[in-house]
Amino acid sequence: TPIVAIVCLAIWASALTLTGTFDQLTTLIIFVDITIDLVAAASIFVLRRSMPQMRRPYRTPWYPVIPILYVVTLAWLIITTLRTSPLEALGGLAILAIGLPVYWYYRRSPTRIPVGGD
C-alpha cells in the first residue's frame, strides 16, 4: 500500500476542505480538469502533424471538425471561469504550476516510475 501517498493526499484534502467552500473547491478542481482536457485534446493536432506516418488504429469521426469544436468549447469554459471565478481559476493554475517541478524532475530522471507492477 502506498502509505506515504495516502497520508499526503489526506493532508492535502484536509487543507483544501478547511480553506474553501464546496463551490470554490469544485470550481477549482473542474477548472484544472478542463485545462488538462484542453491540452490533451489540442495534442491531437500536434501529434498528427509531427507524426503523420504513425499507424492510427482509431480515427476521429469528422476530423478535424469534432476536435476543433471540443477545443473551442473547452477554451470557452476556461475563459468563462476566469471571468466569473478568477480566484478559484488562479488557484487551479497554481496547483498545476506546483506540479511542474515534479514533472520536470521525473522527465529528466534516468530511472522511471514503475507503472502497473513493473
PDB file of N, CA and C in Angstrom:
ATOM      1  N   THR A   1       0.845  -1.178   0.000  1.00  0.00           N
ATOM      2  CA  THR A   1       0.000   0.000   0.000  1.00  0.00           C
ATOM      3  C   THR A   1       0.889   1.239   0.000  1.00  0.00           C
ATOM      4  N   PRO A   2       0.576   2.206  -0.846  1.00  0.00           N
ATOM      5  CA  PRO A   2       1.377   3.441  -0.892  1.00  0.00           C
ATOM      6  C   PRO A   2       1.019   4.363   0.281  1.00  0.00           C
ATOM      7  N   ILE A   3       1.488   3.995   1.457  1.00  0.00           N
ATOM      8  CA  ILE A   3       1.085   4.680   2.688  1.00  0.00           C
ATOM      9  C   ILE A   3       1.475   6.156   2.683  1.00  0.00           C
ATOM     10  N   VAL A   4       2.650   6.476   2.173  1.00  0.00           N
ATOM     11  CA  VAL A   4       3.091   7.877   2.157  1.00  0.00           C
ATOM     12  C   VAL A   4       2.179   8.706   1.247  1.00  0.00           C
ATOM     13  N   ALA A   5       1.843   8.163   0.092  1.00  0.00           N
ATOM     14  CA  ALA A   5       0.969   8.881  -0.833  1.00  0.00           C
ATOM     15  C   ALA A   5      -0.425   9.074  -0.235  1.00  0.00           C
ATOM     16  N   ILE A   6      -0.935   8.070   0.456  1.00  0.00           N
ATOM     17  CA  ILE A   6      -2.261   8.166   1.064  1.00  0.00           C
ATOM     18  C   ILE A   6      -2.263   9.225   2.167  1.00  0.00           C
ATOM     19  N   VAL A   7      -1.226   9.240   3.003  1.00  0.00           N
ATOM     20  CA  VAL A   7      -1.139  10.237   4.082  1.00  0.00           C
ATOM     21  C   VAL A   7      -1.013  11.639   3.495  1.00  0.00           C
ATOM     22  N   CYS A   8      -0.162  11.807   2.482  1.00  0.00           N
ATOM     23  CA  CYS A   8      -0.009  13.124   1.848  1.00  0.00           C
ATOM     24  C   CYS A   8      -1.317  13.586   1.216  1.00  0.00           C
ATOM     25  N   LEU A   9      -2.011  12.692   0.556  1.00  0.00           N
ATOM     26  CA  LEU A   9      -3.296  13.036  -0.051  1.00  0.00           C
ATOM     27  C   LEU A   9      -4.331  13.406   1.003  1.00  0.00           C
ATOM     28  N   ALA A  10      -4.331  12.703   2.125  1.00  0.00           N
ATOM     29  CA  ALA A  10      -5.264  13.013   3.217  1.00  0.00           C
ATOM     30  C   ALA A  10      -4.977  14.399   3.796  1.00  0.00           C
ATOM     31  N   ILE A  11      -3.705  14.725   3.968  1.00  0.00           N
ATOM     32  CA  ILE A  11      -3.330  16.048   4.480  1.00  0.00           C
ATOM     33  C   ILE A  11      -3.747  17.130   3.491  1.00  0.00           C
ATOM     34  N   TRP A  12      -3.464  16.897   2.206  1.00  0.00           N
ATOM     35  CA  TRP A  12      -3.818  17.873   1.167  1.00  0.00           C
ATOM     36  C   TRP A  12      -5.332  18.065   1.098  1.00  0.00           C
ATOM     37  N   ALA A  13      -6.088  16.973   1.124  1.00  0.00           N
ATOM     38  CA  ALA A  13      -7.548  17.064   1.065  1.00  0.00           C
ATOM     39  C   ALA A  13      -8.091  17.795   2.292  1.00  0.00           C
ATOM     40  N   SER A  14      -7.520  17.539   3.451  1.00  0.00           N
ATOM     41  CA  SER A  14      -7.960  18.226   4.665  1.00  0.00           C
ATOM     42  C   SER A  14      -7.679  19.724   4.568  1.00  0.00           C
ATOM     43  N   ALA A  15      -6.510  20.088   4.060  1.00  0.00           N
ATOM     44  CA  ALA A  15      -6.170  21.502   3.908  1.00  0.00           C
ATOM     45  C   ALA A  15      -7.134  22.183   2.939  1.00  0.00           C
ATOM     46  N   LEU A  16      -7.436  21.529   1.831  1.00  0.00           N
ATOM     47  CA  LEU A  16      -8.383  22.112   0.875  1.00  0.00           C
ATOM     48  C   LEU A  16      -9.773  22.261   1.490  1.00  0.00           C
ATOM     49  N   THR A  17     -10.194  21.261   2.235  1.00  0.00           N
ATOM     50  CA  THR A  17     -11.521  21.292   2.847  1.00  0.00           C
ATOM     51  C   THR A  17     -11.645  22.432   3.858  1.00  0.00           C
ATOM     52  N   LEU A  18     -10.578  22.693   4.581  1.00  0.00           N
ATOM     53  CA  LEU A  18     -10.614  23.738   5.607  1.00  0.00           C
ATOM     54  C   LEU A  18     -10.481  25.144   5.025  1.00  0.00           C
ATOM     55  N   THR A  19     -10.035  25.267   3.779  1.00  0.00           N
ATOM     56  CA  THR A  19      -9.764  26.598   3.228  1.00  0.00           C
ATOM     57  C   THR A  19     -10.807  27.116   2.258  1.00  0.00           C
ATOM     58  N   GLY A  20     -11.795  26.340   1.908  1.00  0.00           N
ATOM     59  CA  GLY A  20     -12.754  26.837   0.931  1.00  0.00           C
ATOM     60  C   GLY A  20     -14.116  26.188   1.062  1.00  0.00           C
ATOM     61  N   THR A  21     -15.088  26.797   0.393  1.00  0.00           N
ATOM     62  CA  THR A  21     -16.431  26.230   0.370  1.00  0.00           C
ATOM     63  C   THR A  21     -16.485  25.118  -0.678  1.00  0.00           C
ATOM     64  N   PHE A  22     -17.565  24.387  -0.652  1.00  0.00           N
ATOM     65  CA  PHE A  22     -17.744  23.305  -1.619  1.00  0.00           C
ATOM     66  C   PHE A  22     -17.740  23.857  -3.047  1.00  0.00           C
ATOM     67  N   ASP A  23     -18.445  24.967  -3.269  1.00  0.00           N
ATOM     68  CA  ASP A  23     -18.491  25.573  -4.611  1.00  0.00           C
ATOM     69  C   ASP A  23     -17.109  26.018  -5.074  1.00  0.00           C
ATOM     70  N   GLN A  24     -16.333  26.607  -4.181  1.00  0.00           N
ATOM     71  CA  GLN A  24     -14.985  27.034  -4.542  1.00  0.00           C
ATOM     72  C   GLN A  24     -14.113  25.840  -4.925  1.00  0.00           C
ATOM     73  N   LEU A  25     -14.210  24.792  -4.126  1.00  0.00           N
ATOM     74  CA  LEU A  25     -13.384  23.606  -4.392  1.00  0.00           C
ATOM     75  C   LEU A  25     -13.777  22.926  -5.697  1.00  0.00           C
ATOM     76  N   THR A  26     -15.071  22.799  -5.951  1.00  0.00           N
ATOM     77  CA  THR A  26     -15.476  22.149  -7.199  1.00  0.00           C
ATOM     78  C   THR A  26     -15.101  23.007  -8.405  1.00  0.00           C
ATOM     79  N   THR A  27     -15.236  24.320  -8.293  1.00  0.00           N
ATOM     80  CA  THR A  27     -14.825  25.197  -9.395  1.00  0.00           C
ATOM     81  C   THR A  27     -13.335  25.044  -9.659  1.00  0.00           C
ATOM     82  N   LEU A  28     -12.539  25.034  -8.596  1.00  0.00           N
ATOM     83  CA  LEU A  28     -11.091  24.888  -8.730  1.00  0.00           C
ATOM     84  C   LEU A  28     -10.736  23.571  -9.418  1.00  0.00           C
ATOM     85  N   ILE A  29     -11.290  22.481  -8.949  1.00  0.00           N
ATOM     86  CA  ILE A  29     -10.950  21.160  -9.489  1.00  0.00           C
ATOM     87  C   ILE A  29     -11.463  21.002 -10.914  1.00  0.00           C
ATOM     88  N   ILE A  30     -12.667  21.464 -11.190  1.00  0.00           N
ATOM     89  CA  ILE A  30     -13.210  21.349 -12.549  1.00  0.00           C
ATOM     90  C   ILE A  30     -12.407  22.220 -13.506  1.00  0.00           C
ATOM     91  N   PHE A  31     -11.968  23.393 -13.047  1.00  0.00           N
ATOM     92  CA  PHE A  31     -11.136  24.255 -13.887  1.00  0.00           C
ATOM     93  C   PHE A  31      -9.832  23.551 -14.258  1.00  0.00           C
ATOM     94  N   VAL A  32      -9.200  22.910 -13.278  1.00  0.00           N
ATOM     95  CA  VAL A  32      -7.964  22.164 -13.550  1.00  0.00           C
ATOM     96  C   VAL A  32      -8.243  21.033 -14.540  1.00  0.00           C
ATOM     97  N   ASP A  33      -9.330  20.311 -14.332  1.00  0.00           N
ATOM     98  CA  ASP A  33      -9.683  19.199 -15.220  1.00  0.00           C
ATOM     99  C   ASP A  33      -9.919  19.682 -16.649  1.00  0.00           C
ATOM    100  N   ILE A  34     -10.656  20.771 -16.801  1.00  0.00           N
ATOM    101  CA  ILE A  34     -10.935  21.294 -18.142  1.00  0.00           C
ATOM    102  C   ILE A  34      -9.653  21.767 -18.817  1.00  0.00           C
ATOM    103  N   THR A  35      -8.758  22.384 -18.048  1.00  0.00           N
ATOM    104  CA  THR A  35      -7.493  22.851 -18.611  1.00  0.00           C
ATOM    105  C   THR A  35      -6.662  21.674 -19.123  1.00  0.00           C
ATOM    106  N   ILE A  36      -6.597  20.616 -18.342  1.00  0.00           N
ATOM    107  CA  ILE A  36      -5.851  19.420 -18.764  1.00  0.00           C
ATOM    108  C   ILE A  36      -6.520  18.783 -19.979  1.00  0.00           C
ATOM    109  N   ASP A  37      -7.844  18.729 -19.984  1.00  0.00           N
ATOM    110  CA  ASP A  37      -8.566  18.191 -21.140  1.00  0.00           C
ATOM    111  C   ASP A  37      -8.277  18.997 -22.403  1.00  0.00           C
ATOM    112  N   LEU A  38      -8.211  20.322 -22.272  1.00  0.00           N
ATOM    113  CA  LEU A  38      -7.919  21.182 -23.424  1.00  0.00           C
ATOM    114  C   LEU A  38      -6.541  20.866 -23.996  1.00  0.00           C
ATOM    115  N   VAL A  39      -5.551  20.736 -23.128  1.00  0.00           N
ATOM    116  CA  VAL A  39      -4.198  20.424 -23.597  1.00  0.00           C
ATOM    117  C   VAL A  39      -4.167  19.051 -24.268  1.00  0.00           C
ATOM    118  N   ALA A  40      -4.840  18.082 -23.676  1.00  0.00           N
ATOM    119  CA  ALA A  40      -4.868  16.739 -24.261  1.00  0.00           C
ATOM    120  C   ALA A  40      -5.579  16.730 -25.610  1.00  0.00           C
ATOM    121  N   ALA A  41      -6.697  17.447 -25.707  1.00  0.00           N
ATOM    122  CA  ALA A  41      -7.440  17.477 -26.970  1.00  0.00           C
ATOM    123  C   ALA A  41      -6.654  18.214 -28.053  1.00  0.00           C
ATOM    124  N   ALA A  42      -5.969  19.288 -27.671  1.00  0.00           N
ATOM    125  CA  ALA A  42      -5.178  20.035 -28.652  1.00  0.00           C
ATOM    126  C   ALA A  42      -3.971  19.236 -29.124  1.00  0.00           C
ATOM    127  N   SER A  43      -3.519  18.288 -28.318  1.00  0.00           N
ATOM    128  CA  SER A  43      -2.345  17.497 -28.703  1.00  0.00           C
ATOM    129  C   SER A  43      -2.610  16.624 -29.932  1.00  0.00           C
ATOM    130  N   ILE A  44      -3.864  16.330 -30.228  1.00  0.00           N
ATOM    131  CA  ILE A  44      -4.162  15.518 -31.411  1.00  0.00           C
ATOM    132  C   ILE A  44      -3.655  16.214 -32.680  1.00  0.00           C
ATOM    133  N   PHE A  45      -3.751  17.549 -32.712  1.00  0.00           N
ATOM    134  CA  PHE A  45      -3.285  18.287 -33.882  1.00  0.00           C
ATOM    135  C   PHE A  45      -1.757  18.267 -33.971  1.00  0.00           C
ATOM    136  N   VAL A  46      -1.102  18.406 -32.826  1.00  0.00           N
ATOM    137  CA  VAL A  46       0.361  18.375 -32.795  1.00  0.00           C
ATOM    138  C   VAL A  46       0.867  16.996 -33.209  1.00  0.00           C
ATOM    139  N   LEU A  47       0.283  15.954 -32.662  1.00  0.00           N
ATOM    140  CA  LEU A  47       0.736  14.596 -32.961  1.00  0.00           C
ATOM    141  C   LEU A  47       0.475  14.215 -34.417  1.00  0.00           C
ATOM    142  N   ARG A  48      -0.651  14.611 -34.946  1.00  0.00           N
ATOM    143  CA  ARG A  48      -0.927  14.288 -36.358  1.00  0.00           C
ATOM    144  C   ARG A  48       0.028  15.008 -37.294  1.00  0.00           C
ATOM    145  N   ARG A  49       0.458  16.195 -36.914  1.00  0.00           N
ATOM    146  CA  ARG A  49       1.393  16.934 -37.760  1.00  0.00           C
ATOM    147  C   ARG A  49       2.831  16.435 -37.586  1.00  0.00           C
ATOM    148  N   SER A  50       3.215  16.131 -36.348  1.00  0.00           N
ATOM    149  CA  SER A  50       4.603  15.727 -36.093  1.00  0.00           C
ATOM    150  C   SER A  50       4.862  14.258 -36.406  1.00  0.00           C
ATOM    151  N   MET A  51       3.834  13.433 -36.435  1.00  0.00           N
ATOM    152  CA  MET A  51       3.990  12.002 -36.722  1.00  0.00           C
ATOM    153  C   MET A  51       2.958  11.547 -37.747  1.00  0.00           C
ATOM    154  N   PRO A  52       3.019  12.070 -38.965  1.00  0.00           N
ATOM    155  CA  PRO A  52       1.984  11.733 -39.949  1.00  0.00           C
ATOM    156  C   PRO A  52       2.031  10.274 -40.397  1.00  0.00           C
ATOM    157  N   GLN A  53       3.180   9.626 -40.290  1.00  0.00           N
ATOM    158  CA  GLN A  53       3.316   8.252 -40.760  1.00  0.00           C
ATOM    159  C   GLN A  53       2.857   7.222 -39.724  1.00  0.00           C
ATOM    160  N   MET A  54       2.581   7.650 -38.511  1.00  0.00           N
ATOM    161  CA  MET A  54       2.219   6.711 -37.452  1.00  0.00           C
ATOM    162  C   MET A  54       0.877   6.041 -37.738  1.00  0.00           C
ATOM    163  N   ARG A  55       0.820   4.736 -37.446  1.00  0.00           N
ATOM    164  CA  ARG A  55      -0.417   3.978 -37.621  1.00  0.00           C
ATOM    165  C   ARG A  55      -1.439   4.440 -36.598  1.00  0.00           C
ATOM    166  N   ARG A  56      -2.660   4.648 -37.051  1.00  0.00           N
ATOM    167  CA  ARG A  56      -3.725   5.112 -36.169  1.00  0.00           C
ATOM    168  C   ARG A  56      -4.863   4.086 -36.161  1.00  0.00           C
ATOM    169  N   PRO A  57      -4.935   3.291 -35.089  1.00  0.00           N
ATOM    170  CA  PRO A  57      -5.979   2.268 -35.043  1.00  0.00           C
ATOM    171  C   PRO A  57      -7.378   2.862 -34.871  1.00  0.00           C
ATOM    172  N   TYR A  58      -7.451   4.104 -34.415  1.00  0.00           N
ATOM    173  CA  TYR A  58      -8.741   4.755 -34.231  1.00  0.00           C
ATOM    174  C   TYR A  58      -8.727   6.098 -34.953  1.00  0.00           C
ATOM    175  N   ARG A  59      -9.755   6.353 -35.712  1.00  0.00           N
ATOM    176  CA  ARG A  59      -9.894   7.631 -36.418  1.00  0.00           C
ATOM    177  C   ARG A  59     -11.013   8.439 -35.768  1.00  0.00           C
ATOM    178  N   THR A  60     -10.758   9.713 -35.574  1.00  0.00           N
ATOM    179  CA  THR A  60     -11.772  10.603 -35.024  1.00  0.00           C
ATOM    180  C   THR A  60     -12.791  10.918 -36.112  1.00  0.00           C
ATOM    181  N   PRO A  61     -14.070  10.648 -35.857  1.00  0.00           N
ATOM    182  CA  PRO A  61     -15.080  10.971 -36.872  1.00  0.00           C
ATOM    183  C   PRO A  61     -15.087  12.469 -37.185  1.00  0.00           C
ATOM    184  N   TRP A  62     -15.215  12.794 -38.444  1.00  0.00           N
ATOM    185  CA  TRP A  62     -15.293  14.168 -38.942  1.00  0.00           C
ATOM    186  C   TRP A  62     -14.089  15.009 -38.526  1.00  0.00           C
ATOM    187  N   TYR A  63     -12.924  14.369 -38.458  1.00  0.00           N
ATOM    188  CA  TYR A  63     -11.695  15.107 -38.141  1.00  0.00           C
ATOM    189  C   TYR A  63     -11.461  16.134 -39.226  1.00  0.00           C
ATOM    190  N   PRO A  64     -11.127  17.331 -38.945  1.00  0.00           N
ATOM    191  CA  PRO A  64     -10.792  17.988 -37.679  1.00  0.00           C
ATOM    192  C   PRO A  64     -11.949  18.757 -37.053  1.00  0.00           C
ATOM    193  N   VAL A  65     -13.165  18.636 -37.568  1.00  0.00           N
ATOM    194  CA  VAL A  65     -14.284  19.439 -37.074  1.00  0.00           C
ATOM    195  C   VAL A  65     -14.592  19.136 -35.608  1.00  0.00           C
ATOM    196  N   ILE A  66     -14.743  17.871 -35.259  1.00  0.00           N
ATOM    197  CA  ILE A  66     -15.108  17.493 -33.889  1.00  0.00           C
ATOM    198  C   ILE A  66     -14.033  17.923 -32.890  1.00  0.00           C
ATOM    199  N   PRO A  67     -12.756  17.619 -33.127  1.00  0.00           N
ATOM    200  CA  PRO A  67     -11.750  18.078 -32.159  1.00  0.00           C
ATOM    201  C   PRO A  67     -11.684  19.606 -32.036  1.00  0.00           C
ATOM    202  N   ILE A  68     -11.867  20.321 -33.139  1.00  0.00           N
ATOM    203  CA  ILE A  68     -11.847  21.788 -33.075  1.00  0.00           C
ATOM    204  C   ILE A  68     -13.020  22.295 -32.232  1.00  0.00           C
ATOM    205  N   LEU A  69     -14.208  21.742 -32.437  1.00  0.00           N
ATOM    206  CA  LEU A  69     -15.367  22.142 -31.626  1.00  0.00           C
ATOM    207  C   LEU A  69     -15.139  21.864 -30.144  1.00  0.00           C
ATOM    208  N   TYR A  70     -14.547  20.723 -29.854  1.00  0.00           N
ATOM    209  CA  TYR A  70     -14.265  20.350 -28.463  1.00  0.00           C
ATOM    210  C   TYR A  70     -13.259  21.319 -27.836  1.00  0.00           C
ATOM    211  N   VAL A  71     -12.189  21.621 -28.551  1.00  0.00           N
ATOM    212  CA  VAL A  71     -11.164  22.547 -28.043  1.00  0.00           C
ATOM    213  C   VAL A  71     -11.759  23.940 -27.850  1.00  0.00           C
ATOM    214  N   VAL A  72     -12.558  24.399 -28.792  1.00  0.00           N
ATOM    215  CA  VAL A  72     -13.181  25.726 -28.671  1.00  0.00           C
ATOM    216  C   VAL A  72     -14.138  25.766 -27.475  1.00  0.00           C
ATOM    217  N   THR A  73     -14.901  24.700 -27.275  1.00  0.00           N
ATOM    218  CA  THR A  73     -15.819  24.637 -26.137  1.00  0.00           C
ATOM    219  C   THR A  73     -15.063  24.669 -24.820  1.00  0.00           C
ATOM    220  N   LEU A  74     -13.985  23.903 -24.730  1.00  0.00           N
ATOM    221  CA  LEU A  74     -13.187  23.903 -23.510  1.00  0.00           C
ATOM    222  C   LEU A  74     -12.554  25.270 -23.271  1.00  0.00           C
ATOM    223  N   ALA A  75     -12.065  25.903 -24.328  1.00  0.00           N
ATOM    224  CA  ALA A  75     -11.480  27.245 -24.192  1.00  0.00           C
ATOM    225  C   ALA A  75     -12.533  28.233 -23.693  1.00  0.00           C
ATOM    226  N   TRP A  76     -13.754  28.123 -24.210  1.00  0.00           N
ATOM    227  CA  TRP A  76     -14.844  28.993 -23.763  1.00  0.00           C
ATOM    228  C   TRP A  76     -15.129  28.779 -22.274  1.00  0.00           C
ATOM    229  N   LEU A  77     -15.138  27.514 -21.820  1.00  0.00           N
ATOM    230  CA  LEU A  77     -15.364  27.226 -20.404  1.00  0.00           C
ATOM    231  C   LEU A  77     -14.251  27.802 -19.533  1.00  0.00           C
ATOM    232  N   ILE A  78     -13.012  27.716 -20.009  1.00  0.00           N
ATOM    233  CA  ILE A  78     -11.885  28.262 -19.254  1.00  0.00           C
ATOM    234  C   ILE A  78     -12.000  29.784 -19.151  1.00  0.00           C
ATOM    235  N   ILE A  79     -12.299  30.434 -20.257  1.00  0.00           N
ATOM    236  CA  ILE A  79     -12.439  31.896 -20.257  1.00  0.00           C
ATOM    237  C   ILE A  79     -13.593  32.328 -19.352  1.00  0.00           C
ATOM    238  N   THR A  80     -14.702  31.613 -19.415  1.00  0.00           N
ATOM    239  CA  THR A  80     -15.852  31.926 -18.568  1.00  0.00           C
ATOM    240  C   THR A  80     -15.503  31.780 -17.091  1.00  0.00           C
ATOM    241  N   THR A  81     -14.785  30.725 -16.755  1.00  0.00           N
ATOM    242  CA  THR A  81     -14.390  30.522 -15.360  1.00  0.00           C
ATOM    243  C   THR A  81     -13.424  31.608 -14.904  1.00  0.00           C
ATOM    244  N   LEU A  82     -12.498  31.997 -15.770  1.00  0.00           N
ATOM    245  CA  LEU A  82     -11.578  33.078 -15.415  1.00  0.00           C
ATOM    246  C   LEU A  82     -12.322  34.384 -15.161  1.00  0.00           C
ATOM    247  N   ARG A  83     -13.399  34.624 -15.903  1.00  0.00           N
ATOM    248  CA  ARG A  83     -14.190  35.851 -15.717  1.00  0.00           C
ATOM    249  C   ARG A  83     -15.058  35.800 -14.467  1.00  0.00           C
ATOM    250  N   THR A  84     -15.719  34.654 -14.250  1.00  0.00           N
ATOM    251  CA  THR A  84     -16.705  34.573 -13.161  1.00  0.00           C
ATOM    252  C   THR A  84     -16.090  34.177 -11.821  1.00  0.00           C
ATOM    253  N   SER A  85     -15.032  33.395 -11.833  1.00  0.00           N
ATOM    254  CA  SER A  85     -14.396  32.932 -10.585  1.00  0.00           C
ATOM    255  C   SER A  85     -12.878  33.033 -10.715  1.00  0.00           C
ATOM    256  N   PRO A  86     -12.356  34.251 -10.812  1.00  0.00           N
ATOM    257  CA  PRO A  86     -10.916  34.385 -11.068  1.00  0.00           C
ATOM    258  C   PRO A  86     -10.042  33.829  -9.945  1.00  0.00           C
ATOM    259  N   LEU A  87     -10.468  33.955  -8.698  1.00  0.00           N
ATOM    260  CA  LEU A  87      -9.660  33.456  -7.589  1.00  0.00           C
ATOM    261  C   LEU A  87      -9.518  31.938  -7.653  1.00  0.00           C
ATOM    262  N   GLU A  88     -10.626  31.239  -7.885  1.00  0.00           N
ATOM    263  CA  GLU A  88     -10.581  29.783  -7.975  1.00  0.00           C
ATOM    264  C   GLU A  88      -9.780  29.339  -9.207  1.00  0.00           C
ATOM    265  N   ALA A  89      -9.957  30.042 -10.321  1.00  0.00           N
ATOM    266  CA  ALA A  89      -9.227  29.691 -11.535  1.00  0.00           C
ATOM    267  C   ALA A  89      -7.721  29.877 -11.335  1.00  0.00           C
ATOM    268  N   LEU A  90      -7.334  30.969 -10.718  1.00  0.00           N
ATOM    269  CA  LEU A  90      -5.905  31.190 -10.456  1.00  0.00           C
ATOM    270  C   LEU A  90      -5.364  30.167  -9.458  1.00  0.00           C
ATOM    271  N   GLY A  91      -6.199  29.775  -8.506  1.00  0.00           N
ATOM    272  CA  GLY A  91      -5.799  28.708  -7.583  1.00  0.00           C
ATOM    273  C   GLY A  91      -5.570  27.397  -8.319  1.00  0.00           C
ATOM    274  N   GLY A  92      -6.447  27.109  -9.284  1.00  0.00           N
ATOM    275  CA  GLY A  92      -6.270  25.903 -10.090  1.00  0.00           C
ATOM    276  C   GLY A  92      -5.000  25.954 -10.915  1.00  0.00           C
ATOM    277  N   LEU A  93      -4.721  27.116 -11.492  1.00  0.00           N
ATOM    278  CA  LEU A  93      -3.477  27.269 -12.258  1.00  0.00           C
ATOM    279  C   LEU A  93      -2.254  27.129 -11.345  1.00  0.00           C
ATOM    280  N   ALA A  94      -2.374  27.612 -10.114  1.00  0.00           N
ATOM    281  CA  ALA A  94      -1.271  27.460  -9.159  1.00  0.00           C
ATOM    282  C   ALA A  94      -1.031  25.987  -8.836  1.00  0.00           C
ATOM    283  N   ILE A  95      -2.103  25.228  -8.691  1.00  0.00           N
ATOM    284  CA  ILE A  95      -1.952  23.791  -8.426  1.00  0.00           C
ATOM    285  C   ILE A  95      -1.246  23.110  -9.592  1.00  0.00           C
ATOM    286  N   LEU A  96      -1.634  23.465 -10.810  1.00  0.00           N
ATOM    287  CA  LEU A  96      -0.949  22.904 -11.977  1.00  0.00           C
ATOM    288  C   LEU A  96       0.515  23.311 -11.996  1.00  0.00           C
ATOM    289  N   ALA A  97       0.807  24.551 -11.658  1.00  0.00           N
ATOM    290  CA  ALA A  97       2.189  25.032 -11.669  1.00  0.00           C
ATOM    291  C   ALA A  97       3.039  24.341 -10.605  1.00  0.00           C
ATOM    292  N   ILE A  98       2.436  24.002  -9.474  1.00  0.00           N
ATOM    293  CA  ILE A  98       3.172  23.303  -8.423  1.00  0.00           C
ATOM    294  C   ILE A  98       3.643  21.936  -8.915  1.00  0.00           C
ATOM    295  N   GLY A  99       2.867  21.317  -9.792  1.00  0.00           N
ATOM    296  CA  GLY A  99       3.243  20.003 -10.306  1.00  0.00           C
ATOM    297  C   GLY A  99       4.341  20.027 -11.351  1.00  0.00           C
ATOM    298  N   LEU A 100       4.626  21.182 -11.940  1.00  0.00           N
ATOM    299  CA  LEU A 100       5.642  21.253 -12.994  1.00  0.00           C
ATOM    300  C   LEU A 100       7.042  20.819 -12.547  1.00  0.00           C
ATOM    301  N   PRO A 101       7.545  21.260 -11.397  1.00  0.00           N
ATOM    302  CA  PRO A 101       8.874  20.783 -10.992  1.00  0.00           C
ATOM    303  C   PRO A 101       8.953  19.262 -10.843  1.00  0.00           C
ATOM    304  N   VAL A 102       7.888  18.667 -10.353  1.00  0.00           N
ATOM    305  CA  VAL A 102       7.862  17.202 -10.226  1.00  0.00           C
ATOM    306  C   VAL A 102       7.913  16.566 -11.614  1.00  0.00           C
ATOM    307  N   TYR A 103       7.122  17.097 -12.536  1.00  0.00           N
ATOM    308  CA  TYR A 103       7.126  16.594 -13.914  1.00  0.00           C
ATOM    309  C   TYR A 103       8.514  16.713 -14.530  1.00  0.00           C
ATOM    310  N   TRP A 104       9.135  17.894 -14.396  1.00  0.00           N
ATOM    311  CA  TRP A 104      10.460  18.105 -14.980  1.00  0.00           C
ATOM    312  C   TRP A 104      11.497  17.180 -14.344  1.00  0.00           C
ATOM    313  N   TYR A 105      11.386  16.957 -13.040  1.00  0.00           N
ATOM    314  CA  TYR A 105      12.322  16.068 -12.372  1.00  0.00           C
ATOM    315  C   TYR A 105      12.226  14.652 -12.932  1.00  0.00           C
ATOM    316  N   TYR A 106      11.018  14.127 -13.011  1.00  0.00           N
ATOM    317  CA  TYR A 106      10.855  12.760 -13.486  1.00  0.00           C
ATOM    318  C   TYR A 106      11.088  12.631 -14.985  1.00  0.00           C
ATOM    319  N   ARG A 107      10.916  13.682 -15.727  1.00  0.00           N
ATOM    320  CA  ARG A 107      11.196  13.642 -17.162  1.00  0.00           C
ATOM    321  C   ARG A 107      12.694  13.538 -17.418  1.00  0.00           C
ATOM    322  N   ARG A 108      13.499  14.224 -16.607  1.00  0.00           N
ATOM    323  CA  ARG A 108      14.955  14.184 -16.758  1.00  0.00           C
ATOM    324  C   ARG A 108      15.580  12.969 -16.102  1.00  0.00           C
ATOM    325  N   SER A 109      14.913  12.407 -15.124  1.00  0.00           N
ATOM    326  CA  SER A 109      15.462  11.309 -14.342  1.00  0.00           C
ATOM    327  C   SER A 109      15.641  10.061 -15.201  1.00  0.00           C
ATOM    328  N   PRO A 110      16.833   9.410 -15.129  1.00  0.00           N
ATOM    329  CA  PRO A 110      17.041   8.177 -15.902  1.00  0.00           C
ATOM    330  C   PRO A 110      16.203   7.009 -15.390  1.00  0.00           C
ATOM    331  N   THR A 111      15.844   7.053 -14.115  1.00  0.00           N
ATOM    332  CA  THR A 111      15.008   5.992 -13.575  1.00  0.00           C
ATOM    333  C   THR A 111      13.551   6.380 -13.754  1.00  0.00           C
ATOM    334  N   ARG A 112      12.778   5.447 -14.157  1.00  0.00           N
ATOM    335  CA  ARG A 112      11.358   5.693 -14.407  1.00  0.00           C
ATOM    336  C   ARG A 112      10.521   5.204 -13.237  1.00  0.00           C
ATOM    337  N   ILE A 113       9.363   5.807 -13.082  1.00  0.00           N
ATOM    338  CA  ILE A 113       8.428   5.392 -12.051  1.00  0.00           C
ATOM    339  C   ILE A 113       7.802   4.074 -12.487  1.00  0.00           C
ATOM    340  N   PRO A 114       7.818   3.042 -11.641  1.00  0.00           N
ATOM    341  CA  PRO A 114       7.176   1.788 -12.017  1.00  0.00           C
ATOM    342  C   PRO A 114       5.668   1.984 -12.169  1.00  0.00           C
ATOM    343  N   VAL A 115       5.130   1.457 -13.254  1.00  0.00           N
ATOM    344  CA  VAL A 115       3.701   1.572 -13.512  1.00  0.00           C
ATOM    345  C   VAL A 115       3.115   0.177 -13.638  1.00  0.00           C
ATOM    346  N   GLY A 116       2.022  -0.063 -12.945  1.00  0.00           N
ATOM    347  CA  GLY A 116       1.321  -1.338 -13.087  1.00  0.00           C
ATOM    348  C   GLY A 116       2.109  -2.544 -12.636  1.00  0.00           C
ATOM    349  N   GLY A 117       2.903  -2.405 -11.579  1.00  0.00           N
ATOM    350  CA  GLY A 117       3.627  -3.541 -11.048  1.00  0.00           C
ATOM    351  C   GLY A 117       4.898  -3.887 -11.790  1.00  0.00           C
ATOM    352  N   ASP A 118       5.418  -2.954 -12.605  1.00  0.00           N
ATOM    353  CA  ASP A 118       6.699  -3.207 -13.298  1.00  0.00           C
ATOM    354  C   ASP A 118       7.838  -3.335 -12.328  1.00  0.00           C
TER     355      ASP A 118
END
